[in-house]
């Protein structure tokens, strides 16, 4: 089963993060959380671990309308929220990779028709955000 949608773009790190935020906002997603993996690794594991992971941020994206519908359909779906979006770039990379969770993973865990509708809507919005960054999203996993 695939669990992410991925695009690789010829943008520098900072521009990729900014444009990812903008593309998500255009699809109704706000950023509820942000984890700077590189900084965390450096603080907890040292400079070598930070260097090995490269620039790496996890954005916790949430569309309130979709989240409300998902939780109304099945309160346990909160364990899968927000939708994680990763922006990463290795040390010697000349491109940046952006990945979003495939909302269809929710459907794999729930038999609810209402959850399927929310996942379909979220999937279309996340794919549109990634496409706006440059290219058709690939599935990975």
C-alpha atoms as a PDB file:
ATOM      1  CA  UNK A   1       0.000   0.000   0.000  1.00  0.00           C
ATOM      2  CA  UNK A   2       1.330   3.442  -0.849  1.00  0.00           C
ATOM      3  CA  UNK A   3       1.232   5.969   1.947  1.00  0.00           C
ATOM      4  CA  UNK A   4       2.652   9.200   0.500  1.00  0.00           C
ATOM      5  CA  UNK A   5       2.378  11.475  -2.504  1.00  0.00           C
ATOM      6  CA  UNK A   6       5.744  12.914  -3.533  1.00  0.00           C
ATOM      7  CA  UNK A   7       7.074  15.682  -5.764  1.00  0.00           C
ATOM      8  CA  UNK A   8      10.676  16.675  -6.286  1.00  0.00           C
ATOM      9  CA  UNK A   9      11.235  20.289  -7.263  1.00  0.00           C
ATOM     10  CA  UNK A  10      14.230  22.372  -8.373  1.00  0.00           C
ATOM     11  CA  UNK A  11      13.758  24.857  -5.525  1.00  0.00           C
ATOM     12  CA  UNK A  12      16.178  25.741  -2.773  1.00  0.00           C
ATOM     13  CA  UNK A  13      15.247  24.680   0.746  1.00  0.00           C
ATOM     14  CA  UNK A  14      13.760  27.929   2.060  1.00  0.00           C
ATOM     15  CA  UNK A  15      11.751  28.611  -1.090  1.00  0.00           C
ATOM     16  CA  UNK A  16      10.402  25.054  -1.103  1.00  0.00           C
ATOM     17  CA  UNK A  17       9.215  25.362   2.507  1.00  0.00           C
ATOM     18  CA  UNK A  18       7.575  28.734   1.840  1.00  0.00           C
ATOM     19  CA  UNK A  19       5.900  27.615  -1.374  1.00  0.00           C
ATOM     20  CA  UNK A  20       4.683  24.420   0.327  1.00  0.00           C
ATOM     21  CA  UNK A  21       3.014  26.510   3.037  1.00  0.00           C
ATOM     22  CA  UNK A  22       1.395  28.701   0.373  1.00  0.00           C
ATOM     23  CA  UNK A  23       0.191  25.746  -1.709  1.00  0.00           C
ATOM     24  CA  UNK A  24      -1.339  24.106   1.360  1.00  0.00           C
ATOM     25  CA  UNK A  25      -3.035  27.374   2.380  1.00  0.00           C
ATOM     26  CA  UNK A  26      -4.528  27.695  -1.105  1.00  0.00           C
ATOM     27  CA  UNK A  27      -6.189  24.316  -0.498  1.00  0.00           C
ATOM     28  CA  UNK A  28      -7.583  25.334   2.903  1.00  0.00           C
ATOM     29  CA  UNK A  29      -4.866  23.820   5.113  1.00  0.00           C
ATOM     30  CA  UNK A  30      -3.286  25.637   8.015  1.00  0.00           C
ATOM     31  CA  UNK A  31      -0.097  24.515   9.750  1.00  0.00           C
ATOM     32  CA  UNK A  32      -0.824  23.360  13.302  1.00  0.00           C
ATOM     33  CA  UNK A  33       2.637  22.042  14.068  1.00  0.00           C
ATOM     34  CA  UNK A  34       6.142  22.162  12.699  1.00  0.00           C
ATOM     35  CA  UNK A  35       8.984  19.821  13.568  1.00  0.00           C
ATOM     36  CA  UNK A  36      12.474  20.815  12.496  1.00  0.00           C
ATOM     37  CA  UNK A  37      13.964  17.318  12.352  1.00  0.00           C
ATOM     38  CA  UNK A  38      17.480  18.568  11.605  1.00  0.00           C
ATOM     39  CA  UNK A  39      17.516  20.869  14.651  1.00  0.00           C
ATOM     40  CA  UNK A  40      16.035  18.145  16.853  1.00  0.00           C
ATOM     41  CA  UNK A  41      18.631  15.616  15.713  1.00  0.00           C
ATOM     42  CA  UNK A  42      21.416  18.122  16.290  1.00  0.00           C
ATOM     43  CA  UNK A  43      20.187  18.881  19.816  1.00  0.00           C
ATOM     44  CA  UNK A  44      19.535  15.266  20.790  1.00  0.00           C
ATOM     45  CA  UNK A  45      21.920  13.194  18.662  1.00  0.00           C
ATOM     46  CA  UNK A  46      24.678  15.550  17.575  1.00  0.00           C
ATOM     47  CA  UNK A  47      25.924  17.299  14.470  1.00  0.00           C
ATOM     48  CA  UNK A  48      26.634  14.090  12.530  1.00  0.00           C
ATOM     49  CA  UNK A  49      23.017  12.932  12.820  1.00  0.00           C
ATOM     50  CA  UNK A  50      21.777  16.369  11.775  1.00  0.00           C
ATOM     51  CA  UNK A  51      24.111  16.411   8.796  1.00  0.00           C
ATOM     52  CA  UNK A  52      23.004  12.919   7.768  1.00  0.00           C
ATOM     53  CA  UNK A  53      19.295  13.842   7.696  1.00  0.00           C
ATOM     54  CA  UNK A  54      19.888  17.177   5.953  1.00  0.00           C
ATOM     55  CA  UNK A  55      17.252  19.888   5.867  1.00  0.00           C
ATOM     56  CA  UNK A  56      14.057  18.192   6.993  1.00  0.00           C
ATOM     57  CA  UNK A  57      10.830  19.664   8.345  1.00  0.00           C
ATOM     58  CA  UNK A  58       7.499  18.003   9.107  1.00  0.00           C
ATOM     59  CA  UNK A  59       4.486  20.301   8.766  1.00  0.00           C
ATOM     60  CA  UNK A  60       1.272  19.241  10.511  1.00  0.00           C
ATOM     61  CA  UNK A  61      -1.332  20.467   8.020  1.00  0.00           C
ATOM     62  CA  UNK A  62      -5.012  20.664   8.914  1.00  0.00           C
ATOM     63  CA  UNK A  63      -8.086  21.657   6.959  1.00  0.00           C
ATOM     64  CA  UNK A  64     -10.617  22.383   9.749  1.00  0.00           C
ATOM     65  CA  UNK A  65     -13.674  21.458   7.675  1.00  0.00           C
ATOM     66  CA  UNK A  66     -12.197  18.106   6.687  1.00  0.00           C
ATOM     67  CA  UNK A  67     -10.986  17.390  10.221  1.00  0.00           C
ATOM     68  CA  UNK A  68     -14.431  18.183  11.607  1.00  0.00           C
ATOM     69  CA  UNK A  69     -16.102  15.838   9.144  1.00  0.00           C
ATOM     70  CA  UNK A  70     -13.588  13.040   9.838  1.00  0.00           C
ATOM     71  CA  UNK A  71     -13.977  13.327  13.612  1.00  0.00           C
ATOM     72  CA  UNK A  72     -17.767  13.453  13.366  1.00  0.00           C
ATOM     73  CA  UNK A  73     -17.699  10.271  11.302  1.00  0.00           C
ATOM     74  CA  UNK A  74     -15.206   8.475  13.497  1.00  0.00           C
ATOM     75  CA  UNK A  75     -13.656  10.140  16.574  1.00  0.00           C
ATOM     76  CA  UNK A  76     -10.683   7.732  16.521  1.00  0.00           C
ATOM     77  CA  UNK A  77      -9.501   9.408  13.282  1.00  0.00           C
ATOM     78  CA  UNK A  78      -7.981  12.101  15.500  1.00  0.00           C
ATOM     79  CA  UNK A  79      -5.032   9.754  15.985  1.00  0.00           C
ATOM     80  CA  UNK A  80      -4.235  10.269  12.289  1.00  0.00           C
ATOM     81  CA  UNK A  81      -4.511  14.047  12.317  1.00  0.00           C
ATOM     82  CA  UNK A  82      -3.079  16.427  11.281  1.00  0.00           C
ATOM     83  CA  UNK A  83      -1.947  15.418   7.800  1.00  0.00           C
ATOM     84  CA  UNK A  84       1.851  15.338   7.797  1.00  0.00           C
ATOM     85  CA  UNK A  85       3.703  17.050   4.969  1.00  0.00           C
ATOM     86  CA  UNK A  86       7.481  16.617   4.768  1.00  0.00           C
ATOM     87  CA  UNK A  87       9.883  19.010   3.057  1.00  0.00           C
ATOM     88  CA  UNK A  88      13.391  17.561   2.840  1.00  0.00           C
ATOM     89  CA  UNK A  89      16.673  18.105   1.092  1.00  0.00           C
ATOM     90  CA  UNK A  90      19.841  16.084   1.511  1.00  0.00           C
ATOM     91  CA  UNK A  91      23.243  17.681   2.062  1.00  0.00           C
ATOM     92  CA  UNK A  92      24.434  17.458  -1.537  1.00  0.00           C
ATOM     93  CA  UNK A  93      21.019  17.482  -3.239  1.00  0.00           C
ATOM     94  CA  UNK A  94      20.193  19.938  -5.989  1.00  0.00           C
ATOM     95  CA  UNK A  95      16.440  19.454  -5.589  1.00  0.00           C
ATOM     96  CA  UNK A  96      13.974  19.417  -2.717  1.00  0.00           C
ATOM     97  CA  UNK A  97      11.454  16.649  -2.049  1.00  0.00           C
ATOM     98  CA  UNK A  98       7.971  17.350  -0.707  1.00  0.00           C
ATOM     99  CA  UNK A  99       5.812  14.480   0.538  1.00  0.00           C
ATOM    100  CA  UNK A 100       2.282  14.387   1.904  1.00  0.00           C
ATOM    101  CA  UNK A 101       0.546  11.543   3.647  1.00  0.00           C
ATOM    102  CA  UNK A 102      -1.906   9.781   1.361  1.00  0.00           C
ATOM    103  CA  UNK A 103      -5.289  10.303   3.082  1.00  0.00           C
ATOM    104  CA  UNK A 104      -6.450   6.999   1.625  1.00  0.00           C
ATOM    105  CA  UNK A 105      -4.557   5.369   4.497  1.00  0.00           C
ATOM    106  CA  UNK A 106      -7.501   6.454   6.660  1.00  0.00           C
ATOM    107  CA  UNK A 107      -9.798   4.461   4.408  1.00  0.00           C
ATOM    108  CA  UNK A 108      -7.622   1.377   4.885  1.00  0.00           C
ATOM    109  CA  UNK A 109      -8.197   1.661   8.631  1.00  0.00           C
ATOM    110  CA  UNK A 110     -11.907   2.480   8.556  1.00  0.00           C
ATOM    111  CA  UNK A 111     -14.845   1.027   6.713  1.00  0.00           C
ATOM    112  CA  UNK A 112     -16.857   4.221   7.081  1.00  0.00           C
ATOM    113  CA  UNK A 113     -18.300   5.757   3.909  1.00  0.00           C
ATOM    114  CA  UNK A 114     -18.091   9.194   5.552  1.00  0.00           C
ATOM    115  CA  UNK A 115     -14.370   8.711   6.218  1.00  0.00           C
ATOM    116  CA  UNK A 116     -13.909   7.668   2.576  1.00  0.00           C
ATOM    117  CA  UNK A 117     -15.570  10.928   1.434  1.00  0.00           C
ATOM    118  CA  UNK A 118     -13.298  13.007   3.677  1.00  0.00           C
ATOM    119  CA  UNK A 119     -10.220  11.086   2.524  1.00  0.00           C
ATOM    120  CA  UNK A 120     -11.171  11.606  -1.119  1.00  0.00           C
ATOM    121  CA  UNK A 121     -11.566  15.352  -0.559  1.00  0.00           C
ATOM    122  CA  UNK A 122      -8.318  15.629   1.426  1.00  0.00           C
ATOM    123  CA  UNK A 123      -6.513  13.552  -1.194  1.00  0.00           C
ATOM    124  CA  UNK A 124      -7.635  15.825  -4.026  1.00  0.00           C
ATOM    125  CA  UNK A 125      -6.577  18.927  -2.065  1.00  0.00           C
ATOM    126  CA  UNK A 126      -3.163  17.576  -1.083  1.00  0.00           C
ATOM    127  CA  UNK A 127      -2.474  16.406  -4.642  1.00  0.00           C
ATOM    128  CA  UNK A 128      -3.462  19.845  -5.943  1.00  0.00           C
ATOM    129  CA  UNK A 129      -1.099  21.511  -3.461  1.00  0.00           C
ATOM    130  CA  UNK A 130       1.780  19.268  -4.546  1.00  0.00           C
ATOM    131  CA  UNK A 131       0.977  19.786  -8.230  1.00  0.00           C
ATOM    132  CA  UNK A 132       1.080  23.548  -7.680  1.00  0.00           C
ATOM    133  CA  UNK A 133       4.679  23.117  -6.545  1.00  0.00           C
ATOM    134  CA  UNK A 134       5.680  21.688  -9.885  1.00  0.00           C
ATOM    135  CA  UNK A 135       4.837  18.276 -11.190  1.00  0.00           C
ATOM    136  CA  UNK A 136       2.469  15.403 -10.823  1.00  0.00           C
ATOM    137  CA  UNK A 137       2.686  13.766  -7.397  1.00  0.00           C
ATOM    138  CA  UNK A 138       4.090  10.243  -7.364  1.00  0.00           C
ATOM    139  CA  UNK A 139       2.943   7.650  -4.886  1.00  0.00           C
ATOM    140  CA  UNK A 140       5.515   5.983  -2.692  1.00  0.00           C
ATOM    141  CA  UNK A 141       5.464   3.499   0.101  1.00  0.00           C
END
